[in-house]
Amino acid sequence: MSPVLETRRLCKKFGALTVAENIDFRLEAGERRALIGPNGAGKTTFVNMLTGRIAPSSGRIFFGGDDITGLAQAGRVKRGLGRTFQINTLFRDLTVLDNVALGIAERRGVAGRLWRPASAYDEVRVESEVLLAALDLAVDAGSRVLDLPYGKQRLVEIAIALGLKPKVLLLDEPAAGVPSLESGRILQALDSLPGDIAILIIEHDMDVVFRFAHRITVMVQGEVLVEGSPDEIAGDRRVHQVYLGEQRRD
């Protein structure tokens, strides 16, 4: 069976600086994968290439078996490639419901003709409410995003991404800046997502990584050092030398 997302010898250079080199990567449908590595390893650059935010210098990207290397970001989203960012990009003065409804309206192709709040349209509102209920955010639907604790804001961002009906969801440090008690809610939300959605997280919190991922990819200096199960990664001496030992010192 073909992977839902694949890269072949993916490279990125900024002048003489190589930040990603010959990355071969495969993500299967429904897989739960974590991408880890020290700062400067090239993780965000790699994900930016996956989403089309930056173009690779060489190599190819495939989604559902199709070559999408030259496809723009919007085209990748329409195909089912969703993403959240390390720093959330929400409309903070709008309600939770309206934030989610805007994403759903965009996916439905009606965002360009909205003369009222997106949540005023019945089909959009109902779909938004169902999604918020699934993430245990129904009670917050009428609250402004800026009034929510940061952990719930991250959940709202995940809800927006899910409203785009992704086949693959890329999460850039979903627990960053979130107190440990709230990060548990994020993990519970991820565990509740449909099993056919493949999820790739970039994350520095090793507790989150080892609780979430079925498989882990470790990047160092722009290259994939090793991939394996959480137990294999936890027991890999090279990973301890370049990353996990550093985490424990921190």
Protein backbone atom coordinates (compact mmCIF):
# COMPACT_ATOMS: atom_id res chain seq x y z
CA MET A 1 0.00 0.00 0.00
CA SER A 2 1.29 3.46 -0.89
CA PRO A 3 1.99 5.90 1.96
CA VAL A 4 -0.33 8.87 2.28
CA LEU A 5 2.69 11.22 2.44
CA GLU A 6 6.17 10.55 1.14
CA THR A 7 9.40 12.39 0.35
CA ARG A 8 12.27 11.18 -1.78
CA ARG A 9 15.77 12.65 -1.37
CA LEU A 10 14.31 15.97 -0.26
CA CYS A 11 16.88 18.75 0.11
CA LYS A 12 16.85 22.43 1.00
CA LYS A 13 19.71 24.90 0.76
CA PHE A 14 19.82 28.57 1.64
CA GLY A 15 22.87 29.70 -0.28
CA ALA A 16 25.80 27.64 0.97
CA LEU A 17 23.85 26.46 4.04
CA THR A 18 22.22 23.02 3.76
CA VAL A 19 19.32 22.69 6.21
CA ALA A 20 17.76 19.48 4.86
CA GLU A 21 19.58 16.78 2.96
CA ASN A 22 18.34 13.66 1.19
CA ILE A 23 15.31 13.10 3.43
CA ASP A 24 13.41 9.93 2.62
CA PHE A 25 10.21 9.83 4.66
CA ARG A 26 6.99 7.80 4.58
CA LEU A 27 3.82 8.41 6.58
CA GLU A 28 1.08 5.79 6.42
CA ALA A 29 -2.65 6.48 6.63
CA GLY A 30 -3.74 6.70 10.27
CA GLU A 31 -0.19 6.70 11.61
CA ARG A 32 0.77 8.62 14.76
CA ARG A 33 4.31 9.91 14.23
CA ALA A 34 6.56 12.33 16.13
CA LEU A 35 9.43 14.30 14.60
CA ILE A 36 12.11 15.19 17.15
CA GLY A 37 15.65 16.54 17.22
CA PRO A 38 17.78 19.34 18.65
CA ASN A 39 17.21 22.97 17.74
CA GLY A 40 18.49 23.65 14.24
CA ALA A 41 17.97 20.05 13.12
CA GLY A 42 15.79 21.16 10.19
CA LYS A 43 12.44 19.92 11.49
CA THR A 44 10.41 23.05 10.76
CA THR A 45 12.10 23.50 7.39
CA PHE A 46 11.11 19.95 6.51
CA VAL A 47 7.48 20.53 7.49
CA ASN A 48 7.47 23.86 5.62
CA MET A 49 8.46 21.95 2.49
CA LEU A 50 5.75 19.36 3.09
CA THR A 51 3.09 22.07 3.27
CA GLY A 52 4.41 24.13 0.38
CA ARG A 53 5.41 27.11 2.48
CA ILE A 54 8.90 26.86 1.02
CA ALA A 55 10.08 25.01 -2.08
CA PRO A 56 12.72 22.28 -1.86
CA SER A 57 16.03 22.75 -3.64
CA SER A 58 15.74 19.19 -4.94
CA GLY A 59 13.82 15.98 -4.32
CA ARG A 60 10.13 15.14 -4.58
CA ILE A 61 7.04 15.17 -2.35
CA PHE A 62 4.12 12.78 -2.89
CA PHE A 63 0.64 12.92 -1.36
CA GLY A 64 -1.70 10.00 -1.94
CA GLY A 65 0.71 8.77 -4.61
CA ASP A 66 0.60 12.05 -6.57
CA ASP A 67 3.62 14.31 -7.01
CA ILE A 68 2.76 17.60 -5.26
CA THR A 69 6.26 19.08 -5.22
CA GLY A 70 5.19 22.09 -7.27
CA LEU A 71 1.71 22.48 -5.77
CA ALA A 72 0.91 25.68 -3.86
CA GLN A 73 -0.08 25.64 -0.17
CA ALA A 74 -3.78 26.15 -0.87
CA GLY A 75 -3.82 23.22 -3.27
CA ARG A 76 -2.24 20.96 -0.67
CA VAL A 77 -4.83 21.98 1.92
CA LYS A 78 -7.64 21.16 -0.53
CA ARG A 79 -6.10 17.73 -1.08
CA GLY A 80 -6.17 17.09 2.67
CA LEU A 81 -2.88 18.33 4.13
CA GLY A 82 -3.62 20.35 7.29
CA ARG A 83 -1.28 22.14 9.65
CA THR A 84 -1.12 24.06 12.91
CA PHE A 85 1.77 26.33 13.84
CA GLN A 86 4.06 26.66 16.87
CA ILE A 87 2.51 30.06 17.61
CA ASN A 88 -1.24 30.03 17.12
CA THR A 89 -2.76 32.13 14.33
CA LEU A 90 -6.32 32.53 15.62
CA PHE A 91 -8.70 35.47 15.32
CA ARG A 92 -8.46 36.35 18.99
CA ASP A 93 -11.35 38.83 19.10
CA LEU A 94 -13.79 36.37 17.51
CA THR A 95 -15.60 33.58 19.32
CA VAL A 96 -14.39 30.01 19.29
CA LEU A 97 -17.40 29.05 17.16
CA ASP A 98 -16.71 31.74 14.57
CA ASN A 99 -13.04 30.80 14.32
CA VAL A 100 -13.91 27.18 13.54
CA ALA A 101 -16.82 28.16 11.29
CA LEU A 102 -14.55 30.33 9.13
CA GLY A 103 -12.34 27.35 8.35
CA ILE A 104 -15.31 25.15 7.53
CA ALA A 105 -16.84 27.87 5.34
CA GLU A 106 -13.56 28.11 3.43
CA ARG A 107 -13.54 24.35 2.85
CA ARG A 108 -17.17 24.44 1.68
CA GLY A 109 -16.34 27.24 -0.75
CA VAL A 110 -18.76 29.77 0.78
CA ALA A 111 -16.30 31.99 2.67
CA GLY A 112 -16.14 34.49 -0.19
CA ARG A 113 -19.83 35.32 0.03
CA LEU A 114 -20.28 35.60 3.77
CA TRP A 115 -22.18 38.75 4.76
CA ARG A 116 -22.84 37.52 8.26
CA PRO A 117 -20.65 35.67 10.77
CA ALA A 118 -19.80 32.25 9.38
CA SER A 119 -21.56 30.59 12.31
CA ALA A 120 -24.87 32.19 11.23
CA TYR A 121 -25.09 29.74 8.32
CA ASP A 122 -26.92 26.62 9.50
CA GLU A 123 -24.84 23.89 7.87
CA VAL A 124 -21.57 25.58 8.79
CA ARG A 125 -22.71 26.17 12.37
CA VAL A 126 -23.91 22.61 12.89
CA GLU A 127 -20.67 21.12 11.58
CA SER A 128 -18.69 23.52 13.78
CA GLU A 129 -20.69 22.60 16.87
CA VAL A 130 -20.21 18.88 16.26
CA LEU A 131 -16.46 19.39 15.91
CA LEU A 132 -16.23 21.50 19.07
CA ALA A 133 -18.19 18.89 21.01
CA ALA A 134 -15.79 16.17 19.85
CA LEU A 135 -12.87 18.18 21.28
CA ASP A 136 -14.72 18.99 24.51
CA LEU A 137 -14.94 22.68 23.55
CA ALA A 138 -18.73 23.02 23.25
CA VAL A 139 -18.98 24.98 26.51
CA ASP A 140 -16.50 27.52 25.09
CA ALA A 141 -18.23 28.04 21.72
CA GLY A 142 -19.46 31.55 22.58
CA SER A 143 -16.26 32.70 24.29
CA ARG A 144 -13.73 34.94 22.62
CA VAL A 145 -10.47 33.18 21.90
CA LEU A 146 -8.48 35.78 23.85
CA ASP A 147 -10.42 34.88 26.99
CA LEU A 148 -9.41 31.22 26.88
CA PRO A 149 -6.38 29.66 28.60
CA TYR A 150 -3.58 28.91 26.17
CA GLY A 151 -4.13 25.16 26.18
CA LYS A 152 -7.70 25.62 24.97
CA GLN A 153 -6.50 28.04 22.29
CA ARG A 154 -4.28 25.26 20.95
CA LEU A 155 -7.32 22.96 20.89
CA VAL A 156 -9.25 25.59 18.91
CA GLU A 157 -6.43 25.67 16.36
CA ILE A 158 -6.61 21.88 16.06
CA ALA A 159 -10.40 22.15 15.61
CA ILE A 160 -9.92 24.63 12.75
CA ALA A 161 -7.44 22.29 11.07
CA LEU A 162 -9.85 19.37 11.46
CA GLY A 163 -12.63 21.46 9.93
CA LEU A 164 -10.66 21.33 6.68
CA LYS A 165 -11.15 17.51 6.63
CA PRO A 166 -7.45 16.60 6.47
CA LYS A 167 -6.06 13.22 5.58
CA VAL A 168 -2.78 14.28 7.19
CA LEU A 169 -2.50 16.68 10.12
CA LEU A 170 0.87 18.31 10.87
CA LEU A 171 1.13 19.82 14.36
CA ASP A 172 4.06 22.10 15.16
CA GLU A 173 4.69 21.81 18.93
CA PRO A 174 1.05 21.51 20.00
CA ALA A 175 2.08 21.51 23.68
CA ALA A 176 4.49 24.47 23.44
CA GLY A 177 3.80 27.01 26.17
CA VAL A 178 1.01 24.87 27.59
CA PRO A 179 1.09 23.97 31.31
CA SER A 180 1.52 20.26 31.93
CA LEU A 181 -2.03 19.88 33.26
CA GLU A 182 -3.43 21.35 30.02
CA SER A 183 -1.11 19.36 27.75
CA GLY A 184 -2.95 16.26 28.94
CA ARG A 185 -6.15 17.66 27.40
CA ILE A 186 -4.35 18.10 24.09
CA LEU A 187 -3.19 14.49 24.18
CA GLN A 188 -6.72 13.32 24.99
CA ALA A 189 -8.03 15.32 22.03
CA LEU A 190 -5.43 13.80 19.71
CA ASP A 191 -6.28 10.31 20.96
CA SER A 192 -9.94 10.94 20.12
CA LEU A 193 -9.34 11.92 16.49
CA PRO A 194 -10.52 9.59 13.72
CA GLY A 195 -8.14 6.72 13.21
CA ASP A 196 -7.82 7.26 9.47
CA ILE A 197 -6.15 10.68 9.90
CA ALA A 198 -2.36 10.46 9.87
CA ILE A 199 -0.82 12.83 12.45
CA LEU A 200 2.75 14.09 12.51
CA ILE A 201 3.83 16.25 15.45
CA ILE A 202 7.01 18.23 15.95
CA GLU A 203 7.49 18.27 19.68
CA HIS A 204 10.22 18.90 22.28
CA ASP A 205 8.22 17.62 25.24
CA MET A 206 9.35 14.01 25.48
CA ASP A 207 6.46 13.06 27.77
CA VAL A 208 4.07 14.13 25.00
CA VAL A 209 6.14 12.38 22.33
CA PHE A 210 6.34 9.02 24.09
CA ARG A 211 2.68 9.08 25.11
CA PHE A 212 1.45 10.00 21.63
CA ALA A 213 3.66 8.47 18.95
CA HIS A 214 3.61 4.95 17.60
CA ARG A 215 6.74 5.77 15.63
CA ILE A 216 9.40 8.47 15.98
CA THR A 217 11.69 10.10 13.41
CA VAL A 218 14.86 11.77 14.74
CA MET A 219 16.50 14.54 12.71
CA VAL A 220 20.01 15.90 13.28
CA GLN A 221 21.77 18.53 11.16
CA GLY A 222 19.21 18.35 8.39
CA GLU A 223 19.21 14.57 8.04
CA VAL A 224 17.20 11.67 9.41
CA LEU A 225 19.37 9.99 12.02
CA VAL A 226 17.05 7.11 12.88
CA GLU A 227 13.40 6.05 12.91
CA GLY A 228 11.74 3.54 15.18
CA SER A 229 9.21 2.73 17.86
CA PRO A 230 9.28 4.71 21.12
CA ASP A 231 11.07 1.84 22.84
CA GLU A 232 13.67 1.65 20.06
CA ILE A 233 14.29 5.40 20.15
CA ALA A 234 14.47 5.47 23.96
CA GLY A 235 17.13 2.76 23.85
CA ASP A 236 19.18 4.17 20.95
CA ARG A 237 22.59 5.36 22.15
CA ARG A 238 23.01 7.78 19.23
CA VAL A 239 19.74 9.52 20.09
CA HIS A 240 20.81 9.90 23.71
CA GLN A 241 24.11 11.40 22.63
CA VAL A 242 22.67 14.02 20.30
CA TYR A 243 19.28 14.76 21.86
CA LEU A 244 17.73 12.87 24.75
CA GLY A 245 20.73 13.44 27.00
CA GLU A 246 20.49 17.15 26.25
CA GLN A 247 16.79 17.09 27.20
CA ARG A 248 17.56 15.55 30.57
CA ARG A 249 20.23 18.19 31.28
CA ASP A 250 17.64 20.89 30.53
